[in-house]
Every structure is written in C-alpha cells, then in structure tokens.
Amino acid sequence: ALAWARLGNALQDDDWPQAERAYRRAIELDPKDARIRFDYGEGLASQGNNEEALAELGEALKLDPSLGGTHSARAKVLAALGRAEEALAASRQAVR
C-alpha cells in the first residue's frame, strides 16, 4: 500500500489521473492507513476537489487524530469551501 501511495505522490503534479488510481489502490490495500488518506486528501485538494478532499482528510483524522498537518490541511479546504467558522475551528485544533 505504501508503495502505491508514494507512486501517487510522485505522479500528483504531472499525471493526476494516474496518481488518483495509485492512491485508490493504496487505500484498497490498506484502508486504515491515515497517512495514505492524508496524502490522497491533499492531492484531491490540489486538484480543486475540495468536498472529496474534506472526506479523505476526515477519514485520516478518524484513523489518527494526532497525524501532523491534517488539521491545518482540513482548515485550508474548509476555507476554500467558504466555511469560515469551521476553518477557524480546524485551525485552532491544528495549533493545539
């Protein structure tokens, strides 16, 4: 699963469709890996797929609430969606 996720990371900027396939395969192999969910969420956000990104980042937080960067990534996505109050709450959580 980790190798598929790393492939997704490597392809993210140049070939999003292939990167997304790699991330989905990684999740299929290990759906409980919070880091993979985080990476996929960040990739989705970079493509403007903010609702899907929010869902993946939420899954990452469920799996590992202390995973570094997840709360701040979630705050960015919430802000992009115009959900200011939630973004502020997520930012505060990131600081904690």
PDB file of N, CA and C in Angstrom:
ATOM      1  N   ALA A   1       0.826  -1.195   0.000  1.00  0.00           N
ATOM      2  CA  ALA A   1       0.000   0.000   0.000  1.00  0.00           C
ATOM      3  C   ALA A   1       0.872   1.261   0.000  1.00  0.00           C
ATOM      4  N   LEU A   2       1.923   1.220   0.804  1.00  0.00           N
ATOM      5  CA  LEU A   2       2.785   2.397   0.901  1.00  0.00           C
ATOM      6  C   LEU A   2       3.446   2.718  -0.440  1.00  0.00           C
ATOM      7  N   ALA A   3       3.854   1.696  -1.165  1.00  0.00           N
ATOM      8  CA  ALA A   3       4.485   1.927  -2.471  1.00  0.00           C
ATOM      9  C   ALA A   3       3.495   2.579  -3.443  1.00  0.00           C
ATOM     10  N   TRP A   4       2.248   2.138  -3.413  1.00  0.00           N
ATOM     11  CA  TRP A   4       1.227   2.757  -4.272  1.00  0.00           C
ATOM     12  C   TRP A   4       1.004   4.210  -3.888  1.00  0.00           C
ATOM     13  N   ALA A   5       0.973   4.474  -2.586  1.00  0.00           N
ATOM     14  CA  ALA A   5       0.789   5.852  -2.125  1.00  0.00           C
ATOM     15  C   ALA A   5       1.958   6.727  -2.561  1.00  0.00           C
ATOM     16  N   ARG A   6       3.160   6.227  -2.448  1.00  0.00           N
ATOM     17  CA  ARG A   6       4.332   7.003  -2.863  1.00  0.00           C
ATOM     18  C   ARG A   6       4.309   7.267  -4.368  1.00  0.00           C
ATOM     19  N   LEU A   7       3.823   6.281  -5.131  1.00  0.00           N
ATOM     20  CA  LEU A   7       3.659   6.488  -6.571  1.00  0.00           C
ATOM     21  C   LEU A   7       2.661   7.622  -6.823  1.00  0.00           C
ATOM     22  N   GLY A   8       1.573   7.615  -6.069  1.00  0.00           N
ATOM     23  CA  GLY A   8       0.597   8.706  -6.175  1.00  0.00           C
ATOM     24  C   GLY A   8       1.235  10.047  -5.890  1.00  0.00           C
ATOM     25  N   ASN A   9       2.061  10.102  -4.842  1.00  0.00           N
ATOM     26  CA  ASN A   9       2.762  11.345  -4.510  1.00  0.00           C
ATOM     27  C   ASN A   9       3.660  11.794  -5.662  1.00  0.00           C
ATOM     28  N   ALA A  10       4.367  10.850  -6.246  1.00  0.00           N
ATOM     29  CA  ALA A  10       5.309  11.186  -7.322  1.00  0.00           C
ATOM     30  C   ALA A  10       4.586  11.681  -8.575  1.00  0.00           C
ATOM     31  N   LEU A  11       3.414  11.133  -8.838  1.00  0.00           N
ATOM     32  CA  LEU A  11       2.676  11.484 -10.060  1.00  0.00           C
ATOM     33  C   LEU A  11       1.735  12.665  -9.903  1.00  0.00           C
ATOM     34  N   GLN A  12       1.497  13.080  -8.688  1.00  0.00           N
ATOM     35  CA  GLN A  12       0.464  14.053  -8.380  1.00  0.00           C
ATOM     36  C   GLN A  12       0.497  15.310  -9.245  1.00  0.00           C
ATOM     37  N   ASP A  13       1.647  15.881  -9.448  1.00  0.00           N
ATOM     38  CA  ASP A  13       1.737  17.141 -10.188  1.00  0.00           C
ATOM     39  C   ASP A  13       1.704  16.967 -11.700  1.00  0.00           C
ATOM     40  N   ASP A  14       2.122  15.803 -12.187  1.00  0.00           N
ATOM     41  CA  ASP A  14       2.261  15.619 -13.626  1.00  0.00           C
ATOM     42  C   ASP A  14       1.156  14.792 -14.276  1.00  0.00           C
ATOM     43  N   ASP A  15       0.558  13.884 -13.507  1.00  0.00           N
ATOM     44  CA  ASP A  15      -0.446  12.987 -14.094  1.00  0.00           C
ATOM     45  C   ASP A  15      -1.467  12.622 -13.024  1.00  0.00           C
ATOM     46  N   TRP A  16      -2.385  13.564 -12.759  1.00  0.00           N
ATOM     47  CA  TRP A  16      -3.347  13.347 -11.690  1.00  0.00           C
ATOM     48  C   TRP A  16      -4.187  12.076 -11.874  1.00  0.00           C
ATOM     49  N   PRO A  17      -4.693  11.771 -13.071  1.00  0.00           N
ATOM     50  CA  PRO A  17      -5.491  10.537 -13.192  1.00  0.00           C
ATOM     51  C   PRO A  17      -4.726   9.283 -12.750  1.00  0.00           C
ATOM     52  N   GLN A  18      -3.455   9.202 -13.115  1.00  0.00           N
ATOM     53  CA  GLN A  18      -2.644   8.048 -12.683  1.00  0.00           C
ATOM     54  C   GLN A  18      -2.373   8.116 -11.186  1.00  0.00           C
ATOM     55  N   ALA A  19      -2.108   9.300 -10.670  1.00  0.00           N
ATOM     56  CA  ALA A  19      -1.874   9.462  -9.236  1.00  0.00           C
ATOM     57  C   ALA A  19      -3.105   9.030  -8.459  1.00  0.00           C
ATOM     58  N   GLU A  20      -4.276   9.444  -8.926  1.00  0.00           N
ATOM     59  CA  GLU A  20      -5.506   9.079  -8.223  1.00  0.00           C
ATOM     60  C   GLU A  20      -5.718   7.567  -8.231  1.00  0.00           C
ATOM     61  N   ARG A  21      -5.422   6.927  -9.345  1.00  0.00           N
ATOM     62  CA  ARG A  21      -5.531   5.465  -9.393  1.00  0.00           C
ATOM     63  C   ARG A  21      -4.584   4.812  -8.382  1.00  0.00           C
ATOM     64  N   ALA A  22      -3.382   5.361  -8.278  1.00  0.00           N
ATOM     65  CA  ALA A  22      -2.408   4.814  -7.327  1.00  0.00           C
ATOM     66  C   ALA A  22      -2.890   4.997  -5.887  1.00  0.00           C
ATOM     67  N   TYR A  23      -3.398   6.175  -5.568  1.00  0.00           N
ATOM     68  CA  TYR A  23      -3.928   6.412  -4.220  1.00  0.00           C
ATOM     69  C   TYR A  23      -5.089   5.465  -3.910  1.00  0.00           C
ATOM     70  N   ARG A  24      -5.982   5.323  -4.850  1.00  0.00           N
ATOM     71  CA  ARG A  24      -7.145   4.442  -4.616  1.00  0.00           C
ATOM     72  C   ARG A  24      -6.706   2.997  -4.401  1.00  0.00           C
ATOM     73  N   ARG A  25      -5.693   2.578  -5.145  1.00  0.00           N
ATOM     74  CA  ARG A  25      -5.166   1.220  -4.957  1.00  0.00           C
ATOM     75  C   ARG A  25      -4.544   1.093  -3.568  1.00  0.00           C
ATOM     76  N   ALA A  26      -3.812   2.100  -3.143  1.00  0.00           N
ATOM     77  CA  ALA A  26      -3.193   2.086  -1.815  1.00  0.00           C
ATOM     78  C   ALA A  26      -4.260   1.972  -0.733  1.00  0.00           C
ATOM     79  N   ILE A  27      -5.348   2.721  -0.880  1.00  0.00           N
ATOM     80  CA  ILE A  27      -6.429   2.682   0.101  1.00  0.00           C
ATOM     81  C   ILE A  27      -7.134   1.332   0.071  1.00  0.00           C
ATOM     82  N   GLU A  28      -7.281   0.785  -1.109  1.00  0.00           N
ATOM     83  CA  GLU A  28      -7.882  -0.542  -1.237  1.00  0.00           C
ATOM     84  C   GLU A  28      -7.053  -1.580  -0.468  1.00  0.00           C
ATOM     85  N   LEU A  29      -5.738  -1.462  -0.559  1.00  0.00           N
ATOM     86  CA  LEU A  29      -4.847  -2.412   0.119  1.00  0.00           C
ATOM     87  C   LEU A  29      -4.770  -2.184   1.623  1.00  0.00           C
ATOM     88  N   ASP A  30      -4.842  -0.930   2.040  1.00  0.00           N
ATOM     89  CA  ASP A  30      -4.748  -0.617   3.461  1.00  0.00           C
ATOM     90  C   ASP A  30      -5.649   0.568   3.798  1.00  0.00           C
ATOM     91  N   PRO A  31      -6.948   0.310   3.955  1.00  0.00           N
ATOM     92  CA  PRO A  31      -7.889   1.406   4.199  1.00  0.00           C
ATOM     93  C   PRO A  31      -7.726   2.072   5.566  1.00  0.00           C
ATOM     94  N   LYS A  32      -6.920   1.518   6.434  1.00  0.00           N
ATOM     95  CA  LYS A  32      -6.756   2.080   7.779  1.00  0.00           C
ATOM     96  C   LYS A  32      -5.451   2.874   7.945  1.00  0.00           C
ATOM     97  N   ASP A  33      -4.772   3.156   6.853  1.00  0.00           N
ATOM     98  CA  ASP A  33      -3.540   3.939   6.924  1.00  0.00           C
ATOM     99  C   ASP A  33      -3.880   5.425   6.814  1.00  0.00           C
ATOM    100  N   ALA A  34      -3.798   6.122   7.921  1.00  0.00           N
ATOM    101  CA  ALA A  34      -4.162   7.541   7.963  1.00  0.00           C
ATOM    102  C   ALA A  34      -3.282   8.382   7.053  1.00  0.00           C
ATOM    103  N   ARG A  35      -2.013   8.059   6.955  1.00  0.00           N
ATOM    104  CA  ARG A  35      -1.091   8.853   6.137  1.00  0.00           C
ATOM    105  C   ARG A  35      -1.467   8.797   4.657  1.00  0.00           C
ATOM    106  N   ILE A  36      -1.870   7.613   4.208  1.00  0.00           N
ATOM    107  CA  ILE A  36      -2.288   7.469   2.812  1.00  0.00           C
ATOM    108  C   ILE A  36      -3.537   8.312   2.562  1.00  0.00           C
ATOM    109  N   ARG A  37      -4.483   8.264   3.489  1.00  0.00           N
ATOM    110  CA  ARG A  37      -5.702   9.073   3.365  1.00  0.00           C
ATOM    111  C   ARG A  37      -5.363  10.565   3.339  1.00  0.00           C
ATOM    112  N   PHE A  38      -4.409  10.958   4.186  1.00  0.00           N
ATOM    113  CA  PHE A  38      -3.973  12.361   4.215  1.00  0.00           C
ATOM    114  C   PHE A  38      -3.374  12.765   2.867  1.00  0.00           C
ATOM    115  N   ASP A  39      -2.469  11.941   2.357  1.00  0.00           N
ATOM    116  CA  ASP A  39      -1.828  12.260   1.079  1.00  0.00           C
ATOM    117  C   ASP A  39      -2.853  12.365  -0.051  1.00  0.00           C
ATOM    118  N   TYR A  40      -3.786  11.434  -0.076  1.00  0.00           N
ATOM    119  CA  TYR A  40      -4.825  11.469  -1.105  1.00  0.00           C
ATOM    120  C   TYR A  40      -5.695  12.719  -0.935  1.00  0.00           C
ATOM    121  N   GLY A  41      -6.041  13.042   0.291  1.00  0.00           N
ATOM    122  CA  GLY A  41      -6.823  14.252   0.554  1.00  0.00           C
ATOM    123  C   GLY A  41      -6.114  15.505   0.070  1.00  0.00           C
ATOM    124  N   GLU A  42      -4.831  15.588   0.341  1.00  0.00           N
ATOM    125  CA  GLU A  42      -4.058  16.746  -0.131  1.00  0.00           C
ATOM    126  C   GLU A  42      -4.031  16.795  -1.665  1.00  0.00           C
ATOM    127  N   GLY A  43      -3.885  15.636  -2.285  1.00  0.00           N
ATOM    128  CA  GLY A  43      -3.902  15.588  -3.744  1.00  0.00           C
ATOM    129  C   GLY A  43      -5.230  16.046  -4.311  1.00  0.00           C
ATOM    130  N   LEU A  44      -6.308  15.566  -3.714  1.00  0.00           N
ATOM    131  CA  LEU A  44      -7.639  15.993  -4.155  1.00  0.00           C
ATOM    132  C   LEU A  44      -7.804  17.500  -4.015  1.00  0.00           C
ATOM    133  N   ALA A  45      -7.341  18.042  -2.904  1.00  0.00           N
ATOM    134  CA  ALA A  45      -7.432  19.494  -2.689  1.00  0.00           C
ATOM    135  C   ALA A  45      -6.634  20.246  -3.740  1.00  0.00           C
ATOM    136  N   SER A  46      -5.469  19.734  -4.083  1.00  0.00           N
ATOM    137  CA  SER A  46      -4.638  20.419  -5.083  1.00  0.00           C
ATOM    138  C   SER A  46      -5.305  20.433  -6.459  1.00  0.00           C
ATOM    139  N   GLN A  47      -6.237  19.505  -6.675  1.00  0.00           N
ATOM    140  CA  GLN A  47      -6.965  19.441  -7.940  1.00  0.00           C
ATOM    141  C   GLN A  47      -8.293  20.199  -7.881  1.00  0.00           C
ATOM    142  N   GLY A  48      -8.580  20.798  -6.715  1.00  0.00           N
ATOM    143  CA  GLY A  48      -9.823  21.539  -6.552  1.00  0.00           C
ATOM    144  C   GLY A  48     -11.015  20.679  -6.190  1.00  0.00           C
ATOM    145  N   ASN A  49     -10.777  19.426  -5.870  1.00  0.00           N
ATOM    146  CA  ASN A  49     -11.847  18.513  -5.459  1.00  0.00           C
ATOM    147  C   ASN A  49     -12.028  18.609  -3.947  1.00  0.00           C
ATOM    148  N   ASN A  50     -12.499  19.758  -3.503  1.00  0.00           N
ATOM    149  CA  ASN A  50     -12.490  20.060  -2.075  1.00  0.00           C
ATOM    150  C   ASN A  50     -13.443  19.218  -1.241  1.00  0.00           C
ATOM    151  N   GLU A  51     -14.608  18.883  -1.756  1.00  0.00           N
ATOM    152  CA  GLU A  51     -15.543  18.042  -0.983  1.00  0.00           C
ATOM    153  C   GLU A  51     -14.937  16.659  -0.760  1.00  0.00           C
ATOM    154  N   GLU A  52     -14.374  16.082  -1.814  1.00  0.00           N
ATOM    155  CA  GLU A  52     -13.730  14.770  -1.680  1.00  0.00           C
ATOM    156  C   GLU A  52     -12.506  14.870  -0.768  1.00  0.00           C
ATOM    157  N   ALA A  53     -11.762  15.945  -0.900  1.00  0.00           N
ATOM    158  CA  ALA A  53     -10.587  16.146  -0.054  1.00  0.00           C
ATOM    159  C   ALA A  53     -10.988  16.202   1.414  1.00  0.00           C
ATOM    160  N   LEU A  54     -12.052  16.915   1.699  1.00  0.00           N
ATOM    161  CA  LEU A  54     -12.540  17.031   3.063  1.00  0.00           C
ATOM    162  C   LEU A  54     -12.918  15.662   3.629  1.00  0.00           C
ATOM    163  N   ALA A  55     -13.543  14.837   2.815  1.00  0.00           N
ATOM    164  CA  ALA A  55     -13.913  13.488   3.252  1.00  0.00           C
ATOM    165  C   ALA A  55     -12.674  12.649   3.568  1.00  0.00           C
ATOM    166  N   GLU A  56     -11.680  12.697   2.700  1.00  0.00           N
ATOM    167  CA  GLU A  56     -10.456  11.909   2.937  1.00  0.00           C
ATOM    168  C   GLU A  56      -9.699  12.410   4.156  1.00  0.00           C
ATOM    169  N   LEU A  57      -9.615  13.716   4.315  1.00  0.00           N
ATOM    170  CA  LEU A  57      -8.929  14.265   5.488  1.00  0.00           C
ATOM    171  C   LEU A  57      -9.688  13.908   6.759  1.00  0.00           C
ATOM    172  N   GLY A  58     -11.008  13.874   6.668  1.00  0.00           N
ATOM    173  CA  GLY A  58     -11.814  13.441   7.806  1.00  0.00           C
ATOM    174  C   GLY A  58     -11.541  11.990   8.163  1.00  0.00           C
ATOM    175  N   GLU A  59     -11.403  11.148   7.157  1.00  0.00           N
ATOM    176  CA  GLU A  59     -11.059   9.740   7.396  1.00  0.00           C
ATOM    177  C   GLU A  59      -9.688   9.625   8.049  1.00  0.00           C
ATOM    178  N   ALA A  60      -8.743  10.426   7.568  1.00  0.00           N
ATOM    179  CA  ALA A  60      -7.397  10.406   8.164  1.00  0.00           C
ATOM    180  C   ALA A  60      -7.463  10.783   9.640  1.00  0.00           C
ATOM    181  N   LEU A  61      -8.257  11.780   9.967  1.00  0.00           N
ATOM    182  CA  LEU A  61      -8.390  12.208  11.365  1.00  0.00           C
ATOM    183  C   LEU A  61      -9.072  11.153  12.227  1.00  0.00           C
ATOM    184  N   LYS A  62     -10.050  10.459  11.672  1.00  0.00           N
ATOM    185  CA  LYS A  62     -10.697   9.371  12.414  1.00  0.00           C
ATOM    186  C   LYS A  62      -9.684   8.276  12.745  1.00  0.00           C
ATOM    187  N   LEU A  63      -8.829   7.984  11.781  1.00  0.00           N
ATOM    188  CA  LEU A  63      -7.853   6.915  11.961  1.00  0.00           C
ATOM    189  C   LEU A  63      -6.712   7.317  12.886  1.00  0.00           C
ATOM    190  N   ASP A  64      -6.297   8.583  12.802  1.00  0.00           N
ATOM    191  CA  ASP A  64      -5.188   9.065  13.643  1.00  0.00           C
ATOM    192  C   ASP A  64      -5.380  10.558  13.916  1.00  0.00           C
ATOM    193  N   PRO A  65      -6.062  10.892  15.009  1.00  0.00           N
ATOM    194  CA  PRO A  65      -6.349  12.297  15.317  1.00  0.00           C
ATOM    195  C   PRO A  65      -5.113  13.166  15.533  1.00  0.00           C
ATOM    196  N   SER A  66      -3.967  12.556  15.756  1.00  0.00           N
ATOM    197  CA  SER A  66      -2.755  13.337  16.002  1.00  0.00           C
ATOM    198  C   SER A  66      -1.831  13.418  14.784  1.00  0.00           C
ATOM    199  N   LEU A  67      -2.282  12.934  13.637  1.00  0.00           N
ATOM    200  CA  LEU A  67      -1.443  12.958  12.435  1.00  0.00           C
ATOM    201  C   LEU A  67      -1.106  14.390  12.055  1.00  0.00           C
ATOM    202  N   GLY A  68       0.153  14.703  12.069  1.00  0.00           N
ATOM    203  CA  GLY A  68       0.623  16.063  11.804  1.00  0.00           C
ATOM    204  C   GLY A  68       0.160  16.604  10.465  1.00  0.00           C
ATOM    205  N   GLY A  69      -0.306  17.836  10.489  1.00  0.00           N
ATOM    206  CA  GLY A  69      -0.688  18.531   9.270  1.00  0.00           C
ATOM    207  C   GLY A  69      -2.125  18.328   8.840  1.00  0.00           C
ATOM    208  N   THR A  70      -2.804  17.352   9.405  1.00  0.00           N
ATOM    209  CA  THR A  70      -4.151  17.039   8.936  1.00  0.00           C
ATOM    210  C   THR A  70      -5.141  18.129   9.291  1.00  0.00           C
ATOM    211  N   HIS A  71      -5.069  18.643  10.503  1.00  0.00           N
ATOM    212  CA  HIS A  71      -5.999  19.704  10.895  1.00  0.00           C
ATOM    213  C   HIS A  71      -5.777  20.967  10.061  1.00  0.00           C
ATOM    214  N   SER A  72      -4.526  21.320   9.804  1.00  0.00           N
ATOM    215  CA  SER A  72      -4.278  22.521   9.005  1.00  0.00           C
ATOM    216  C   SER A  72      -4.683  22.310   7.549  1.00  0.00           C
ATOM    217  N   ALA A  73      -4.475  21.113   7.013  1.00  0.00           N
ATOM    218  CA  ALA A  73      -4.920  20.831   5.646  1.00  0.00           C
ATOM    219  C   ALA A  73      -6.440  20.908   5.562  1.00  0.00           C
ATOM    220  N   ARG A  74      -7.102  20.380   6.587  1.00  0.00           N
ATOM    221  CA  ARG A  74      -8.564  20.443   6.642  1.00  0.00           C
ATOM    222  C   ARG A  74      -9.031  21.900   6.722  1.00  0.00           C
ATOM    223  N   ALA A  75      -8.334  22.715   7.508  1.00  0.00           N
ATOM    224  CA  ALA A  75      -8.688  24.136   7.623  1.00  0.00           C
ATOM    225  C   ALA A  75      -8.592  24.830   6.269  1.00  0.00           C
ATOM    226  N   LYS A  76      -7.560  24.536   5.499  1.00  0.00           N
ATOM    227  CA  LYS A  76      -7.404  25.141   4.172  1.00  0.00           C
ATOM    228  C   LYS A  76      -8.554  24.762   3.243  1.00  0.00           C
ATOM    229  N   VAL A  77      -8.931  23.493   3.286  1.00  0.00           N
ATOM    230  CA  VAL A  77     -10.023  23.027   2.423  1.00  0.00           C
ATOM    231  C   VAL A  77     -11.335  23.670   2.845  1.00  0.00           C
ATOM    232  N   LEU A  78     -11.580  23.723   4.140  1.00  0.00           N
ATOM    233  CA  LEU A  78     -12.807  24.364   4.627  1.00  0.00           C
ATOM    234  C   LEU A  78     -12.857  25.837   4.218  1.00  0.00           C
ATOM    235  N   ALA A  79     -11.727  26.518   4.300  1.00  0.00           N
ATOM    236  CA  ALA A  79     -11.668  27.923   3.877  1.00  0.00           C
ATOM    237  C   ALA A  79     -11.962  28.040   2.383  1.00  0.00           C
ATOM    238  N   ALA A  80     -11.404  27.137   1.591  1.00  0.00           N
ATOM    239  CA  ALA A  80     -11.651  27.167   0.147  1.00  0.00           C
ATOM    240  C   ALA A  80     -13.122  26.928  -0.171  1.00  0.00           C
ATOM    241  N   LEU A  81     -13.799  26.187   0.687  1.00  0.00           N
ATOM    242  CA  LEU A  81     -15.223  25.937   0.502  1.00  0.00           C
ATOM    243  C   LEU A  81     -16.100  27.063   1.063  1.00  0.00           C
ATOM    244  N   GLY A  82     -15.450  28.076   1.654  1.00  0.00           N
ATOM    245  CA  GLY A  82     -16.189  29.200   2.212  1.00  0.00           C
ATOM    246  C   GLY A  82     -16.814  28.915   3.567  1.00  0.00           C
ATOM    247  N   ARG A  83     -16.325  27.902   4.237  1.00  0.00           N
ATOM    248  CA  ARG A  83     -16.853  27.506   5.547  1.00  0.00           C
ATOM    249  C   ARG A  83     -15.931  28.062   6.631  1.00  0.00           C
ATOM    250  N   ALA A  84     -15.996  29.381   6.794  1.00  0.00           N
ATOM    251  CA  ALA A  84     -15.042  30.121   7.621  1.00  0.00           C
ATOM    252  C   ALA A  84     -15.025  29.687   9.086  1.00  0.00           C
ATOM    253  N   GLU A  85     -16.173  29.517   9.688  1.00  0.00           N
ATOM    254  CA  GLU A  85     -16.215  29.148  11.107  1.00  0.00           C
ATOM    255  C   GLU A  85     -15.577  27.781  11.343  1.00  0.00           C
ATOM    256  N   GLU A  86     -15.882  26.844  10.470  1.00  0.00           N
ATOM    257  CA  GLU A  86     -15.287  25.508  10.587  1.00  0.00           C
ATOM    258  C   GLU A  86     -13.784  25.567  10.326  1.00  0.00           C
ATOM    259  N   ALA A  87     -13.379  26.392   9.373  1.00  0.00           N
ATOM    260  CA  ALA A  87     -11.956  26.545   9.073  1.00  0.00           C
ATOM    261  C   ALA A  87     -11.214  27.113  10.278  1.00  0.00           C
ATOM    262  N   LEU A  88     -11.833  28.077  10.931  1.00  0.00           N
ATOM    263  CA  LEU A  88     -11.223  28.658  12.128  1.00  0.00           C
ATOM    264  C   LEU A  88     -11.097  27.617  13.237  1.00  0.00           C
ATOM    265  N   ALA A  89     -12.119  26.819  13.433  1.00  0.00           N
ATOM    266  CA  ALA A  89     -12.077  25.763  14.451  1.00  0.00           C
ATOM    267  C   ALA A  89     -10.989  24.732  14.127  1.00  0.00           C
ATOM    268  N   ALA A  90     -10.875  24.368  12.854  1.00  0.00           N
ATOM    269  CA  ALA A  90      -9.844  23.412  12.445  1.00  0.00           C
ATOM    270  C   ALA A  90      -8.457  24.015  12.634  1.00  0.00           C
ATOM    271  N   SER A  91      -8.320  25.296  12.377  1.00  0.00           N
ATOM    272  CA  SER A  91      -7.038  25.984  12.587  1.00  0.00           C
ATOM    273  C   SER A  91      -6.654  25.975  14.062  1.00  0.00           C
ATOM    274  N   ARG A  92      -7.629  26.216  14.903  1.00  0.00           N
ATOM    275  CA  ARG A  92      -7.362  26.181  16.346  1.00  0.00           C
ATOM    276  C   ARG A  92      -6.934  24.792  16.782  1.00  0.00           C
ATOM    277  N   GLN A  93      -7.591  23.791  16.224  1.00  0.00           N
ATOM    278  CA  GLN A  93      -7.232  22.410  16.536  1.00  0.00           C
ATOM    279  C   GLN A  93      -5.806  22.111  16.072  1.00  0.00           C
ATOM    280  N   ALA A  94      -5.422  22.650  14.944  1.00  0.00           N
ATOM    281  CA  ALA A  94      -4.069  22.439  14.425  1.00  0.00           C
ATOM    282  C   ALA A  94      -3.030  23.025  15.373  1.00  0.00           C
ATOM    283  N   VAL A  95      -3.348  24.181  15.938  1.00  0.00           N
ATOM    284  CA  VAL A  95      -2.413  24.837  16.863  1.00  0.00           C
ATOM    285  C   VAL A  95      -2.248  24.009  18.133  1.00  0.00           C
ATOM    286  N   ARG A  96      -3.374  23.411  18.593  1.00  0.00           N
ATOM    287  CA  ARG A  96      -3.310  22.561  19.790  1.00  0.00           C
ATOM    288  C   ARG A  96      -2.457  21.377  19.522  1.00  0.00           C
TER     289      ARG A  96
END
